[in-house]
Amino acid sequence: MPFRRLITTLLACAPCLAFAQAPSLDEPLAPEQFSSCVQGLAQQTDRSGRPLSRADFERIAANARYEDRVRQSMLVQAGEPTFWWDELAATTDDDRVQQGRAILARAGDVLARIEAQYGVPREIIVAIYGIETNYGPAGGRIPVLDATLTLACLRPCPESATAPGSCMSRERAFAAVRLLRDQRVRPETFQGSWAGAFGRTQFVPDTFELVAVDGDGDGIADIVNSEADAWASTANHLRQRGGWRLGEPVYIEVEVPQAQRASFAAKGDSHRLPSAARKLSEWVAEGWRVLPAEGGRPATVADPEVYPFLPVGLPGPAFLVSRNFDTVLRYNRSERYVMEVALLAHKIAGGRDFATPWPTDDPGLTRAQVRELQQWLQQRGHAQVTPDGVMGRLTRDAIEKEFVARGLPPGRRAGQRTMRELMQP
């Protein structure tokens, strides 16, 4: 979630700093500001959701350093707009599907055991693994202790957050300290994202404390080094914190009846109506037509309770989604993330893309196509661009310059059509 607030100056006194207004994200925190914030947090360990002494906090937090990549990532989150058709084209491309199927073939017995124990489909578990860390190698390189303490300083708690565990950013930092105190993680491998998520399926420290489990039978929950532990912990998360319903599809693609289409027409606006949940048969009786879903794992619950979700309104794909949609949403608070997971799982199980096209004449690029574009940009002299398949800021900067150089309408993204226009001789 993007946070960008301006203030005058940070309070200098350590006991007060954690209750100061959020600092501006325009400049890095000065060393004395970060140190003062950490001292302020040390005085609030009685507000930890789980027991944590001030002495333990100070001993472990003494090793922490301010991490400016957290601030920079918060700015990126607030900045570059993206489209559904770009994100899903990249996250559910053929390469990721084939890698997911290879994992099912390689570790099918382990995943089948986890599915039987926790009641979560193996394809969903593998899809989360693929999207979170590209099946392992993209777990992040930021020390989690640094990230969580920096985040707690950039998102300070309100004065009202005095109850134990009442402030997310503070509790996440405290949880990171507890994991190191209890030796549940190794300092040298306790690395992850700017938001403090770590491991093969990216758990933040406070979630890890609640739901991480041993999946390989060695008595340790190690989501960094053990795939089985990461998979079992993910399945346990979906069961414990969302109540996964085995046999229910996450989504059912539908056609909205003509009489109701005007209600969902919008210029890119999302419609999600959980309060309208009712049995699928009732929607069908009202004229909502289920579109054929080729392949994939067949649903075993014939008449689930579902509600409408239209990511970009009409025209565009329309779905009726189940409680399992809400369950994945508790794993990551992004509707787009939920559909990435669900679509990738469907494809891994042999299914195809949505039947309804996105409302664009310039569909998104796969990661292979992004790499091809990046290589072309390098050849055009944009040495800062790395052909990694990720449409990041430097790649967008180069695209913007090429649009201008070729006299094309300005922009910072490229899709199937605009990539061809850019790269034509």
Foldseek 3Di string as FASTA:
>chain_A
DADADDDDDADQALLCRLADPFHGLPDFDDQSLLVSPLSNLLVQQVQAQDHDHSVLSCVVLVPADADNVLSVVSVVVVDDDDDLLAVLQALQDPVLLVVLLVCCVVCVVLLVVLCVVLVDHSLLLSSLLCNQQNNAPRFAAAQLLNLLSNQCSNHRDHPVSRHRPSDVSSNLNVLVSVCVVVVLDDRVQNGGDSNSFGASNTDRRVLCVVQQDDQPPPRHQDRHPDVRRVSSSVSRLLCVVQNDDRLDAQKFWWDQDPVCQVVFDDAQDKDDDPVPWDWPVVRVVVPIGTDDWPFFDHGPDDIATWTWIARGTPPDIIITGHSSLVSVCVVPVDNSVSVSSRQSSRVSRPIDDDPHDGPDPFGHHYLVVQLVLQVVLVVVPLVVGDSPSDLDDSQLVSVQVLCVVVVHPGDRDHGPVRSCVSPDD
